[in-house]
Amino acid sequence: MSLIILGIETSCDETAAAIYSQQHGALSNELFSQVDLHKEYGGVVPEIASRSHIEKINFIVEKALKKAGKVLEDIDVVAVTHRPGLPGSLLIGVCFAKGLAWAQQKKIIGINHLEGHVFSSFLDNKPPFPHICLTASGGHTAMYLVKGFGDYQLIGQTLDDAAGEAFDKIAKLLDLPYPGGPVIEKLAREENFQDYFHYPRSTADSLDFSFSGLKTAVLYDLVKKGAYELKAKKQSSLLTEKLKREVASSLLVAIKDIFIKKIKLALTQNPDIKAVTFVGGVACNKFIKNAFAEFCKEHNLNFFSPAPQFCTDNAAMIALVGNYKAKHNLFSDYSLDIF
């Protein structure tokens, strides 16, 4: 019998639900983005995120069921993100999923959000094992050695800011809108991705990431150029549109170089690797993704990155992981919590 999985994802500021079939894959992948709710604050406000999840979750689940042509009675398993993430946001999803599973007498599985990202490439590709997975988003930047479904090892992680967080914080320094990643790539493209300012790259011989130093380097370079007033914590009239484009371009090239360096080191330490996957919200960045693809081509490696709808936080990846856990009877019980 082919199981039907309902996936629910509310780890941060996306309310998402998806239906996944063991036989046919993702049948639906619905999402309500809260970007417009948080834009004026320059980042996610946890209380606003939680409130929005409460308002939208039932609607999004119903929409996912309708898109897939299914009803609740068709669902065999409810898979829900239960960590890591914003506690309030996670609680909404977990409590909703537990109530739904209990009322319908369905099995439930708690899913690690990061595991969802690690295997998200399998929603529309078939990467070989073993492979290196780089996951980069606003909340997490990490590298994994992936040997099989459910068999993966964390080999590097961020020691401070995540890559997406660095984009957002530097965008704020440049008086650019939230989220920072898309607008920084747009401005960098206008400068043909030139490296004007040669911001520092990580020199540590480690697979761990650090982006706070890069953020600080950009800040003090802007101060040196008279474009940012440190005491007043505001931009000056010297922050021209041209300078914004040059900073954005230099920043993007620096982050690309950092990623490539870490991948090179990971391959040196794991010579049997067959492919590289790039996942998470930052994987929507075409410049970085294209650089990865070119690097892998030069090193005779396969490269995979999910479609943009599967890069950002989504429920299809949660349902996918729920599917292979269900195959191995790795179910949770109704005491499932967010820790």
C-alpha atoms as a PDB file:
ATOM      1  CA  MET A   1       0.000   0.000   0.000  1.00  0.00           C
ATOM      2  CA  SER A   2       1.280   3.469  -0.894  1.00  0.00           C
ATOM      3  CA  LEU A   3       1.249   5.750   2.151  1.00  0.00           C
ATOM      4  CA  ILE A   4      -0.044   9.323   1.939  1.00  0.00           C
ATOM      5  CA  ILE A   5       1.840  11.790   4.143  1.00  0.00           C
ATOM      6  CA  LEU A   6       0.626  15.204   5.310  1.00  0.00           C
ATOM      7  CA  GLY A   7       3.619  17.452   6.006  1.00  0.00           C
ATOM      8  CA  ILE A   8       3.366  20.552   8.209  1.00  0.00           C
ATOM      9  CA  GLU A   9       6.113  23.176   8.577  1.00  0.00           C
ATOM     10  CA  THR A  10       5.969  26.209  10.906  1.00  0.00           C
ATOM     11  CA  SER A  11       9.534  26.522  12.205  1.00  0.00           C
ATOM     12  CA  CYS A  12       9.905  30.242  11.505  1.00  0.00           C
ATOM     13  CA  ASP A  13       7.840  32.603   9.340  1.00  0.00           C
ATOM     14  CA  GLU A  14       6.386  30.306   6.683  1.00  0.00           C
ATOM     15  CA  THR A  15       3.110  28.448   7.266  1.00  0.00           C
ATOM     16  CA  ALA A  16       3.345  25.421   4.999  1.00  0.00           C
ATOM     17  CA  ALA A  17       1.556  22.146   4.301  1.00  0.00           C
ATOM     18  CA  ALA A  18       2.118  19.476   1.661  1.00  0.00           C
ATOM     19  CA  ILE A  19       0.786  16.093   0.624  1.00  0.00           C
ATOM     20  CA  TYR A  20       3.324  13.424  -0.358  1.00  0.00           C
ATOM     21  CA  SER A  21       2.598  10.058  -1.915  1.00  0.00           C
ATOM     22  CA  GLN A  22       5.060   7.162  -1.715  1.00  0.00           C
ATOM     23  CA  GLN A  23       4.070   6.297  -5.261  1.00  0.00           C
ATOM     24  CA  HIS A  24       3.819   9.715  -6.933  1.00  0.00           C
ATOM     25  CA  GLY A  25       5.951  12.061  -4.793  1.00  0.00           C
ATOM     26  CA  ALA A  26       4.798  15.570  -3.839  1.00  0.00           C
ATOM     27  CA  LEU A  27       1.137  16.054  -4.791  1.00  0.00           C
ATOM     28  CA  SER A  28       0.919  19.571  -3.355  1.00  0.00           C
ATOM     29  CA  ASN A  29       3.144  22.094  -1.610  1.00  0.00           C
ATOM     30  CA  GLU A  30       1.240  25.087  -0.222  1.00  0.00           C
ATOM     31  CA  LEU A  31       2.690  28.007   1.705  1.00  0.00           C
ATOM     32  CA  PHE A  32       1.816  31.349   3.234  1.00  0.00           C
ATOM     33  CA  SER A  33       4.844  33.624   3.431  1.00  0.00           C
ATOM     34  CA  GLN A  34       5.011  36.212   6.208  1.00  0.00           C
ATOM     35  CA  VAL A  35       7.678  38.361   4.525  1.00  0.00           C
ATOM     36  CA  ASP A  36       5.363  41.365   4.183  1.00  0.00           C
ATOM     37  CA  LEU A  37       4.426  41.126   7.881  1.00  0.00           C
ATOM     38  CA  HIS A  38       8.051  41.372   9.029  1.00  0.00           C
ATOM     39  CA  LYS A  39       9.465  43.668   6.353  1.00  0.00           C
ATOM     40  CA  GLU A  40       9.046  46.895   8.303  1.00  0.00           C
ATOM     41  CA  TYR A  41      11.025  45.421  11.222  1.00  0.00           C
ATOM     42  CA  GLY A  42      13.950  44.238   9.099  1.00  0.00           C
ATOM     43  CA  GLY A  43      13.647  40.680  10.381  1.00  0.00           C
ATOM     44  CA  VAL A  44      11.302  38.100  11.858  1.00  0.00           C
ATOM     45  CA  VAL A  45       9.350  39.130  14.973  1.00  0.00           C
ATOM     46  CA  PRO A  46       8.531  35.870  16.839  1.00  0.00           C
ATOM     47  CA  GLU A  47       5.218  37.045  18.314  1.00  0.00           C
ATOM     48  CA  ILE A  48       3.938  38.202  14.932  1.00  0.00           C
ATOM     49  CA  ALA A  49       5.079  34.928  13.354  1.00  0.00           C
ATOM     50  CA  SER A  50       3.222  32.817  15.927  1.00  0.00           C
ATOM     51  CA  ARG A  51       0.028  34.816  15.560  1.00  0.00           C
ATOM     52  CA  SER A  52       0.102  34.476  11.796  1.00  0.00           C
ATOM     53  CA  HIS A  53       0.610  30.698  12.029  1.00  0.00           C
ATOM     54  CA  ILE A  54      -2.497  30.424  14.193  1.00  0.00           C
ATOM     55  CA  GLU A  55      -4.497  32.415  11.648  1.00  0.00           C
ATOM     56  CA  LYS A  56      -3.283  30.551   8.555  1.00  0.00           C
ATOM     57  CA  ILE A  57      -2.470  26.944   9.420  1.00  0.00           C
ATOM     58  CA  ASN A  58      -5.945  25.452   9.026  1.00  0.00           C
ATOM     59  CA  PHE A  59      -6.455  27.257   5.721  1.00  0.00           C
ATOM     60  CA  ILE A  60      -3.063  26.120   4.360  1.00  0.00           C
ATOM     61  CA  VAL A  61      -3.664  22.470   5.309  1.00  0.00           C
ATOM     62  CA  GLU A  62      -7.080  22.542   3.648  1.00  0.00           C
ATOM     63  CA  LYS A  63      -5.529  24.131   0.552  1.00  0.00           C
ATOM     64  CA  ALA A  64      -2.834  21.411   0.385  1.00  0.00           C
ATOM     65  CA  LEU A  65      -5.455  18.672   0.658  1.00  0.00           C
ATOM     66  CA  LYS A  66      -7.612  20.246  -2.048  1.00  0.00           C
ATOM     67  CA  LYS A  67      -4.666  20.756  -4.418  1.00  0.00           C
ATOM     68  CA  ALA A  68      -3.700  17.079  -3.994  1.00  0.00           C
ATOM     69  CA  GLY A  69      -7.276  15.876  -4.454  1.00  0.00           C
ATOM     70  CA  LYS A  70      -7.281  14.306  -0.995  1.00  0.00           C
ATOM     71  CA  VAL A  71      -9.342  14.487   2.202  1.00  0.00           C
ATOM     72  CA  LEU A  72      -8.206  13.918   5.772  1.00  0.00           C
ATOM     73  CA  GLU A  73      -9.443  10.334   5.691  1.00  0.00           C
ATOM     74  CA  ASP A  74      -6.907   9.617   2.914  1.00  0.00           C
ATOM     75  CA  ILE A  75      -3.959  10.635   5.087  1.00  0.00           C
ATOM     76  CA  ASP A  76      -1.961   7.835   6.727  1.00  0.00           C
ATOM     77  CA  VAL A  77       0.719   9.830   8.557  1.00  0.00           C
ATOM     78  CA  VAL A  78       1.122  13.411   9.765  1.00  0.00           C
ATOM     79  CA  ALA A  79       4.746  14.611   9.650  1.00  0.00           C
ATOM     80  CA  VAL A  80       5.497  17.902  11.406  1.00  0.00           C
ATOM     81  CA  THR A  81       8.584  19.997  12.067  1.00  0.00           C
ATOM     82  CA  HIS A  82       9.263  19.940  15.813  1.00  0.00           C
ATOM     83  CA  ARG A  83      12.808  21.380  15.914  1.00  0.00           C
ATOM     84  CA  PRO A  84      14.829  23.562  15.525  1.00  0.00           C
ATOM     85  CA  GLY A  85      13.112  26.908  15.123  1.00  0.00           C
ATOM     86  CA  LEU A  86      11.230  29.648  16.944  1.00  0.00           C
ATOM     87  CA  PRO A  87       9.538  27.998  19.945  1.00  0.00           C
ATOM     88  CA  GLY A  88       6.215  29.781  19.475  1.00  0.00           C
ATOM     89  CA  SER A  89       6.084  28.980  15.765  1.00  0.00           C
ATOM     90  CA  LEU A  90       7.003  25.331  16.331  1.00  0.00           C
ATOM     91  CA  LEU A  91       4.350  24.960  19.016  1.00  0.00           C
ATOM     92  CA  ILE A  92       1.592  26.055  16.627  1.00  0.00           C
ATOM     93  CA  GLY A  93       2.533  23.423  14.067  1.00  0.00           C
ATOM     94  CA  VAL A  94       3.143  20.621  16.566  1.00  0.00           C
ATOM     95  CA  CYS A  95      -0.062  21.246  18.528  1.00  0.00           C
ATOM     96  CA  PHE A  96      -2.115  21.450  15.331  1.00  0.00           C
ATOM     97  CA  ALA A  97      -0.539  18.248  13.966  1.00  0.00           C
ATOM     98  CA  LYS A  98      -1.039  16.352  17.235  1.00  0.00           C
ATOM     99  CA  GLY A  99      -4.666  17.419  17.485  1.00  0.00           C
ATOM    100  CA  LEU A 100      -5.312  16.468  13.882  1.00  0.00           C
ATOM    101  CA  ALA A 101      -3.565  13.097  14.202  1.00  0.00           C
ATOM    102  CA  TRP A 102      -5.383  12.265  17.442  1.00  0.00           C
ATOM    103  CA  ALA A 103      -8.803  13.266  16.110  1.00  0.00           C
ATOM    104  CA  GLN A 104      -8.336  11.251  12.909  1.00  0.00           C
ATOM    105  CA  GLN A 105      -6.453   8.385  14.600  1.00  0.00           C
ATOM    106  CA  LYS A 106      -3.438   8.885  12.345  1.00  0.00           C
ATOM    107  CA  LYS A 107       0.201   8.192  13.101  1.00  0.00           C
ATOM    108  CA  ILE A 108       2.496  11.154  13.697  1.00  0.00           C
ATOM    109  CA  ILE A 109       6.214  11.761  13.111  1.00  0.00           C
ATOM    110  CA  GLY A 110       8.289  14.654  14.438  1.00  0.00           C
ATOM    111  CA  ILE A 111      10.780  15.883  11.846  1.00  0.00           C
ATOM    112  CA  ASN A 112      13.998  17.856  12.279  1.00  0.00           C
ATOM    113  CA  HIS A 113      13.718  20.915  10.049  1.00  0.00           C
ATOM    114  CA  LEU A 114      17.367  20.653   9.001  1.00  0.00           C
ATOM    115  CA  GLU A 115      16.949  17.018   7.990  1.00  0.00           C
ATOM    116  CA  GLY A 116      14.162  18.197   5.725  1.00  0.00           C
ATOM    117  CA  HIS A 117      16.545  20.595   3.996  1.00  0.00           C
ATOM    118  CA  VAL A 118      19.314  17.980   3.754  1.00  0.00           C
ATOM    119  CA  PHE A 119      17.063  15.674   1.712  1.00  0.00           C
ATOM    120  CA  SER A 120      15.049  18.344  -0.118  1.00  0.00           C
ATOM    121  CA  SER A 121      17.070  17.734  -3.293  1.00  0.00           C
ATOM    122  CA  PHE A 122      15.318  14.382  -3.602  1.00  0.00           C
ATOM    123  CA  LEU A 123      11.989  16.082  -4.265  1.00  0.00           C
ATOM    124  CA  ASP A 124      12.977  16.684  -7.880  1.00  0.00           C
ATOM    125  CA  ASN A 125      16.372  14.950  -8.288  1.00  0.00           C
ATOM    126  CA  LYS A 126      18.126  11.680  -7.431  1.00  0.00           C
ATOM    127  CA  PRO A 127      21.536  12.575  -5.976  1.00  0.00           C
ATOM    128  CA  PRO A 128      23.864   9.588  -5.510  1.00  0.00           C
ATOM    129  CA  PHE A 129      25.351   8.593  -2.170  1.00  0.00           C
ATOM    130  CA  PRO A 130      27.651   9.560  -0.616  1.00  0.00           C
ATOM    131  CA  HIS A 131      27.441  13.279  -1.245  1.00  0.00           C
ATOM    132  CA  ILE A 132      28.201  16.576   0.459  1.00  0.00           C
ATOM    133  CA  CYS A 133      25.196  18.757   1.285  1.00  0.00           C
ATOM    134  CA  LEU A 134      25.590  22.465   1.995  1.00  0.00           C
ATOM    135  CA  THR A 135      22.471  23.950   3.555  1.00  0.00           C
ATOM    136  CA  ALA A 136      22.356  27.734   3.839  1.00  0.00           C
ATOM    137  CA  SER A 137      19.467  29.908   4.989  1.00  0.00           C
ATOM    138  CA  GLY A 138      18.628  32.829   7.237  1.00  0.00           C
ATOM    139  CA  GLY A 139      18.833  30.679  10.351  1.00  0.00           C
ATOM    140  CA  HIS A 140      21.359  27.974   9.534  1.00  0.00           C
ATOM    141  CA  THR A 141      24.505  27.328   7.548  1.00  0.00           C
ATOM    142  CA  ALA A 142      25.857  23.789   7.791  1.00  0.00           C
ATOM    143  CA  MET A 143      27.580  21.066   5.813  1.00  0.00           C
ATOM    144  CA  TYR A 144      26.700  17.380   5.944  1.00  0.00           C
ATOM    145  CA  LEU A 145      28.215  14.129   4.743  1.00  0.00           C
ATOM    146  CA  VAL A 146      25.173  12.231   3.448  1.00  0.00           C
ATOM    147  CA  LYS A 147      25.552   8.448   3.097  1.00  0.00           C
ATOM    148  CA  GLY A 148      21.885   7.484   2.738  1.00  0.00           C
ATOM    149  CA  PHE A 149      18.346   8.361   3.773  1.00  0.00           C
ATOM    150  CA  GLY A 150      18.493   9.044   7.494  1.00  0.00           C
ATOM    151  CA  ASP A 151      22.249   8.415   7.446  1.00  0.00           C
ATOM    152  CA  TYR A 152      24.005  11.762   7.521  1.00  0.00           C
ATOM    153  CA  GLN A 153      26.687  13.459   9.607  1.00  0.00           C
ATOM    154  CA  LEU A 154      27.177  17.121  10.451  1.00  0.00           C
ATOM    155  CA  ILE A 155      30.748  18.009   9.416  1.00  0.00           C
ATOM    156  CA  GLY A 156      30.626  21.813   9.558  1.00  0.00           C
ATOM    157  CA  GLN A 157      28.363  24.537  10.897  1.00  0.00           C
ATOM    158  CA  THR A 158      28.164  28.257  11.485  1.00  0.00           C
ATOM    159  CA  LEU A 159      29.872  29.530  14.619  1.00  0.00           C
ATOM    160  CA  ASP A 160      27.873  32.770  14.630  1.00  0.00           C
ATOM    161  CA  ASP A 161      25.718  34.355  11.903  1.00  0.00           C
ATOM    162  CA  ALA A 162      24.192  32.196   9.187  1.00  0.00           C
ATOM    163  CA  ALA A 163      24.813  33.210   5.563  1.00  0.00           C
ATOM    164  CA  GLY A 164      21.246  34.399   5.041  1.00  0.00           C
ATOM    165  CA  GLU A 165      21.417  36.347   8.295  1.00  0.00           C
ATOM    166  CA  ALA A 166      24.582  38.076   7.052  1.00  0.00           C
ATOM    167  CA  PHE A 167      22.746  39.100   3.883  1.00  0.00           C
ATOM    168  CA  ASP A 168      19.894  40.539   5.953  1.00  0.00           C
ATOM    169  CA  LYS A 169      22.130  42.432   8.392  1.00  0.00           C
ATOM    170  CA  ILE A 170      24.329  43.920   5.681  1.00  0.00           C
ATOM    171  CA  ALA A 171      21.247  44.851   3.665  1.00  0.00           C
ATOM    172  CA  LYS A 172      20.090  46.799   6.713  1.00  0.00           C
ATOM    173  CA  LEU A 173      23.445  48.618   6.827  1.00  0.00           C
ATOM    174  CA  LEU A 174      22.900  49.556   3.189  1.00  0.00           C
ATOM    175  CA  ASP A 175      19.325  50.731   3.841  1.00  0.00           C
ATOM    176  CA  LEU A 176      17.975  47.938   1.645  1.00  0.00           C
ATOM    177  CA  PRO A 177      14.677  46.109   2.216  1.00  0.00           C
ATOM    178  CA  TYR A 178      14.188  42.775   4.003  1.00  0.00           C
ATOM    179  CA  PRO A 179      14.903  40.039   3.063  1.00  0.00           C
ATOM    180  CA  GLY A 180      18.383  41.030   1.971  1.00  0.00           C
ATOM    181  CA  GLY A 181      19.454  38.107  -0.203  1.00  0.00           C
ATOM    182  CA  PRO A 182      17.355  38.778  -3.342  1.00  0.00           C
ATOM    183  CA  VAL A 183      18.005  42.522  -3.452  1.00  0.00           C
ATOM    184  CA  ILE A 184      21.751  42.058  -2.876  1.00  0.00           C
ATOM    185  CA  GLU A 185      21.916  39.611  -5.774  1.00  0.00           C
ATOM    186  CA  LYS A 186      19.976  42.054  -7.978  1.00  0.00           C
ATOM    187  CA  LEU A 187      22.368  44.910  -7.189  1.00  0.00           C
ATOM    188  CA  ALA A 188      25.412  42.645  -7.608  1.00  0.00           C
ATOM    189  CA  ARG A 189      24.197  41.591 -11.045  1.00  0.00           C
ATOM    190  CA  GLU A 190      24.083  45.252 -12.089  1.00  0.00           C
ATOM    191  CA  GLU A 191      27.820  45.390 -11.313  1.00  0.00           C
ATOM    192  CA  ASN A 192      28.513  42.076 -13.111  1.00  0.00           C
ATOM    193  CA  PHE A 193      29.536  40.449  -9.812  1.00  0.00           C
ATOM    194  CA  GLN A 194      32.806  42.344  -9.511  1.00  0.00           C
ATOM    195  CA  ASP A 195      34.882  42.088  -6.327  1.00  0.00           C
ATOM    196  CA  TYR A 196      35.614  45.759  -5.653  1.00  0.00           C
ATOM    197  CA  PHE A 197      36.538  45.741  -1.988  1.00  0.00           C
ATOM    198  CA  HIS A 198      38.058  42.274  -1.377  1.00  0.00           C
ATOM    199  CA  TYR A 199      36.325  41.624   1.918  1.00  0.00           C
ATOM    200  CA  PRO A 200      38.084  39.020   4.103  1.00  0.00           C
ATOM    201  CA  ARG A 201      37.439  35.332   3.528  1.00  0.00           C
ATOM    202  CA  SER A 202      37.654  32.753   6.280  1.00  0.00           C
ATOM    203  CA  THR A 203      41.240  31.566   6.704  1.00  0.00           C
ATOM    204  CA  ALA A 204      40.573  28.865   9.288  1.00  0.00           C
ATOM    205  CA  ASP A 205      41.448  25.350   8.118  1.00  0.00           C
ATOM    206  CA  SER A 206      38.060  24.102   9.273  1.00  0.00           C
ATOM    207  CA  LEU A 207      34.709  23.131   7.784  1.00  0.00           C
ATOM    208  CA  ASP A 208      32.911  25.499  10.182  1.00  0.00           C
ATOM    209  CA  PHE A 209      31.575  28.832   8.937  1.00  0.00           C
ATOM    210  CA  SER A 210      31.786  32.330  10.386  1.00  0.00           C
ATOM    211  CA  PHE A 211      30.075  35.332   8.846  1.00  0.00           C
ATOM    212  CA  SER A 212      30.080  37.844  11.705  1.00  0.00           C
ATOM    213  CA  GLY A 213      33.599  38.981  10.803  1.00  0.00           C
ATOM    214  CA  LEU A 214      32.513  39.592   7.221  1.00  0.00           C
ATOM    215  CA  LYS A 215      29.573  41.660   8.443  1.00  0.00           C
ATOM    216  CA  THR A 216      31.906  43.700  10.681  1.00  0.00           C
ATOM    217  CA  ALA A 217      34.371  44.210   7.816  1.00  0.00           C
ATOM    218  CA  VAL A 218      31.595  45.638   5.646  1.00  0.00           C
ATOM    219  CA  LEU A 219      30.421  47.900   8.482  1.00  0.00           C
ATOM    220  CA  TYR A 220      33.857  49.420   9.147  1.00  0.00           C
ATOM    221  CA  ASP A 221      34.586  49.774   5.440  1.00  0.00           C
ATOM    222  CA  LEU A 222      31.393  51.812   5.127  1.00  0.00           C
ATOM    223  CA  VAL A 223      32.446  53.887   8.149  1.00  0.00           C
ATOM    224  CA  LYS A 224      35.894  54.430   6.585  1.00  0.00           C
ATOM    225  CA  LYS A 225      34.258  55.600   3.371  1.00  0.00           C
ATOM    226  CA  GLY A 226      32.073  58.016   5.366  1.00  0.00           C
ATOM    227  CA  ALA A 227      28.931  56.228   4.204  1.00  0.00           C
ATOM    228  CA  TYR A 228      27.815  55.098   7.660  1.00  0.00           C
ATOM    229  CA  GLU A 229      27.801  57.083  10.931  1.00  0.00           C
ATOM    230  CA  LEU A 230      28.710  54.607  13.658  1.00  0.00           C
ATOM    231  CA  LYS A 231      27.625  56.680  16.663  1.00  0.00           C
ATOM    232  CA  ALA A 232      24.303  57.638  15.131  1.00  0.00           C
ATOM    233  CA  LYS A 233      23.880  54.141  13.642  1.00  0.00           C
ATOM    234  CA  LYS A 234      22.617  55.488  10.358  1.00  0.00           C
ATOM    235  CA  GLN A 235      23.627  55.917   6.738  1.00  0.00           C
ATOM    236  CA  SER A 236      25.114  59.188   5.482  1.00  0.00           C
ATOM    237  CA  SER A 237      24.632  60.980   2.174  1.00  0.00           C
ATOM    238  CA  LEU A 238      27.860  59.340   0.935  1.00  0.00           C
ATOM    239  CA  LEU A 239      26.073  55.994   0.716  1.00  0.00           C
ATOM    240  CA  THR A 240      25.282  56.343  -2.961  1.00  0.00           C
ATOM    241  CA  GLU A 241      23.379  53.881  -5.113  1.00  0.00           C
ATOM    242  CA  LYS A 242      26.663  53.089  -6.884  1.00  0.00           C
ATOM    243  CA  LEU A 243      28.361  52.265  -3.581  1.00  0.00           C
ATOM    244  CA  LYS A 244      25.440  50.045  -2.567  1.00  0.00           C
ATOM    245  CA  ARG A 245      25.851  48.065  -5.773  1.00  0.00           C
ATOM    246  CA  GLU A 246      29.606  47.741  -5.294  1.00  0.00           C
ATOM    247  CA  VAL A 247      29.235  46.564  -1.690  1.00  0.00           C
ATOM    248  CA  ALA A 248      26.527  44.079  -2.668  1.00  0.00           C
ATOM    249  CA  SER A 249      28.685  42.712  -5.492  1.00  0.00           C
ATOM    250  CA  SER A 250      31.804  42.389  -3.342  1.00  0.00           C
ATOM    251  CA  LEU A 251      29.839  40.757  -0.534  1.00  0.00           C
ATOM    252  CA  LEU A 252      28.250  38.160  -2.796  1.00  0.00           C
ATOM    253  CA  VAL A 253      31.591  37.212  -4.346  1.00  0.00           C
ATOM    254  CA  ALA A 254      33.121  36.868  -0.873  1.00  0.00           C
ATOM    255  CA  ILE A 255      30.366  34.547   0.362  1.00  0.00           C
ATOM    256  CA  LYS A 256      30.631  32.480  -2.818  1.00  0.00           C
ATOM    257  CA  ASP A 257      34.388  32.131  -2.286  1.00  0.00           C
ATOM    258  CA  ILE A 258      33.871  31.057   1.335  1.00  0.00           C
ATOM    259  CA  PHE A 259      31.411  28.356   0.289  1.00  0.00           C
ATOM    260  CA  ILE A 260      33.677  27.050  -2.478  1.00  0.00           C
ATOM    261  CA  LYS A 261      36.669  26.911  -0.132  1.00  0.00           C
ATOM    262  CA  LYS A 262      34.726  24.847   2.412  1.00  0.00           C
ATOM    263  CA  ILE A 263      33.479  22.466  -0.284  1.00  0.00           C
ATOM    264  CA  LYS A 264      37.061  21.975  -1.521  1.00  0.00           C
ATOM    265  CA  LEU A 265      38.198  21.141   1.997  1.00  0.00           C
ATOM    266  CA  ALA A 266      35.301  18.724   2.528  1.00  0.00           C
ATOM    267  CA  LEU A 267      36.166  16.914  -0.709  1.00  0.00           C
ATOM    268  CA  THR A 268      39.796  16.615   0.356  1.00  0.00           C
ATOM    269  CA  GLN A 269      38.707  14.980   3.611  1.00  0.00           C
ATOM    270  CA  ASN A 270      36.110  12.764   1.872  1.00  0.00           C
ATOM    271  CA  PRO A 271      37.583  11.626  -1.463  1.00  0.00           C
ATOM    272  CA  ASP A 272      34.798   9.126  -2.268  1.00  0.00           C
ATOM    273  CA  ILE A 273      32.159  11.850  -2.684  1.00  0.00           C
ATOM    274  CA  LYS A 274      30.029  11.513  -5.825  1.00  0.00           C
ATOM    275  CA  ALA A 275      28.043  14.741  -5.740  1.00  0.00           C
ATOM    276  CA  VAL A 276      27.370  18.072  -4.054  1.00  0.00           C
ATOM    277  CA  THR A 277      23.911  19.340  -3.148  1.00  0.00           C
ATOM    278  CA  PHE A 278      23.096  22.959  -2.303  1.00  0.00           C
ATOM    279  CA  VAL A 279      19.869  23.539  -0.357  1.00  0.00           C
ATOM    280  CA  GLY A 280      18.114  26.105   1.851  1.00  0.00           C
ATOM    281  CA  GLY A 281      16.911  29.609   1.079  1.00  0.00           C
ATOM    282  CA  VAL A 282      20.334  30.864  -0.049  1.00  0.00           C
ATOM    283  CA  ALA A 283      20.282  28.163  -2.755  1.00  0.00           C
ATOM    284  CA  CYS A 284      17.788  30.410  -4.574  1.00  0.00           C
ATOM    285  CA  ASN A 285      20.770  32.665  -5.303  1.00  0.00           C
ATOM    286  CA  LYS A 286      21.547  31.992  -8.972  1.00  0.00           C
ATOM    287  CA  PHE A 287      25.061  33.443  -8.844  1.00  0.00           C
ATOM    288  CA  ILE A 288      26.203  31.140  -6.036  1.00  0.00           C
ATOM    289  CA  LYS A 289      24.337  28.164  -7.482  1.00  0.00           C
ATOM    290  CA  ASN A 290      25.930  28.661 -10.901  1.00  0.00           C
ATOM    291  CA  ALA A 291      29.370  28.950  -9.294  1.00  0.00           C
ATOM    292  CA  PHE A 292      28.777  25.640  -7.503  1.00  0.00           C
ATOM    293  CA  ALA A 293      27.650  23.991 -10.731  1.00  0.00           C
ATOM    294  CA  GLU A 294      30.772  25.190 -12.541  1.00  0.00           C
ATOM    295  CA  PHE A 295      33.030  24.059  -9.700  1.00  0.00           C
ATOM    296  CA  CYS A 296      31.473  20.587  -9.680  1.00  0.00           C
ATOM    297  CA  LYS A 297      31.782  20.321 -13.456  1.00  0.00           C
ATOM    298  CA  GLU A 298      35.500  21.118 -13.220  1.00  0.00           C
ATOM    299  CA  HIS A 299      35.920  18.414 -10.546  1.00  0.00           C
ATOM    300  CA  ASN A 300      33.818  15.752 -12.318  1.00  0.00           C
ATOM    301  CA  LEU A 301      31.132  15.816  -9.652  1.00  0.00           C
ATOM    302  CA  ASN A 302      27.368  15.789 -10.006  1.00  0.00           C
ATOM    303  CA  PHE A 303      25.619  18.892  -8.678  1.00  0.00           C
ATOM    304  CA  PHE A 304      22.028  19.116  -7.487  1.00  0.00           C
ATOM    305  CA  SER A 305      19.925  21.937  -6.077  1.00  0.00           C
ATOM    306  CA  PRO A 306      16.135  21.843  -5.599  1.00  0.00           C
ATOM    307  CA  ALA A 307      13.687  24.081  -7.408  1.00  0.00           C
ATOM    308  CA  PRO A 308      13.259  27.407  -5.547  1.00  0.00           C
ATOM    309  CA  GLN A 309       9.917  26.296  -4.028  1.00  0.00           C
ATOM    310  CA  PHE A 310      11.802  23.469  -2.275  1.00  0.00           C
ATOM    311  CA  CYS A 311      14.786  25.629  -1.212  1.00  0.00           C
ATOM    312  CA  THR A 312      12.943  27.985   1.114  1.00  0.00           C
ATOM    313  CA  ASP A 313      11.147  26.556   4.151  1.00  0.00           C
ATOM    314  CA  ASN A 314       8.453  24.221   2.831  1.00  0.00           C
ATOM    315  CA  ALA A 315       6.360  21.261   3.927  1.00  0.00           C
ATOM    316  CA  ALA A 316       7.122  18.979   0.963  1.00  0.00           C
ATOM    317  CA  MET A 317      10.599  18.301   2.367  1.00  0.00           C
ATOM    318  CA  ILE A 318       9.054  17.535   5.775  1.00  0.00           C
ATOM    319  CA  ALA A 319       6.606  15.092   4.196  1.00  0.00           C
ATOM    320  CA  LEU A 320       9.453  13.500   2.212  1.00  0.00           C
ATOM    321  CA  VAL A 321      11.445  12.802   5.377  1.00  0.00           C
ATOM    322  CA  GLY A 322       8.234  11.619   7.052  1.00  0.00           C
ATOM    323  CA  ASN A 323       7.807   9.154   4.209  1.00  0.00           C
ATOM    324  CA  TYR A 324      11.111   7.360   4.673  1.00  0.00           C
ATOM    325  CA  LYS A 325      10.763   7.409   8.453  1.00  0.00           C
ATOM    326  CA  ALA A 326       7.309   5.833   8.103  1.00  0.00           C
ATOM    327  CA  LYS A 327       8.842   3.097   5.936  1.00  0.00           C
ATOM    328  CA  HIS A 328      11.071   2.198   8.879  1.00  0.00           C
ATOM    329  CA  ASN A 329       8.313   2.569  11.520  1.00  0.00           C
ATOM    330  CA  LEU A 330      10.070   5.540  13.120  1.00  0.00           C
ATOM    331  CA  PHE A 331       6.886   7.075  14.485  1.00  0.00           C
ATOM    332  CA  SER A 332       6.462   9.518  17.355  1.00  0.00           C
ATOM    333  CA  ASP A 333       3.664   9.464  19.912  1.00  0.00           C
ATOM    334  CA  TYR A 334       1.229  12.104  21.099  1.00  0.00           C
ATOM    335  CA  SER A 335       3.709  13.358  23.705  1.00  0.00           C
ATOM    336  CA  LEU A 336       5.805  14.833  20.852  1.00  0.00           C
ATOM    337  CA  ASP A 337       7.320  18.147  21.943  1.00  0.00           C
ATOM    338  CA  ILE A 338       9.417  20.872  20.366  1.00  0.00           C
ATOM    339  CA  PHE A 339      12.628  19.961  22.216  1.00  0.00           C
END
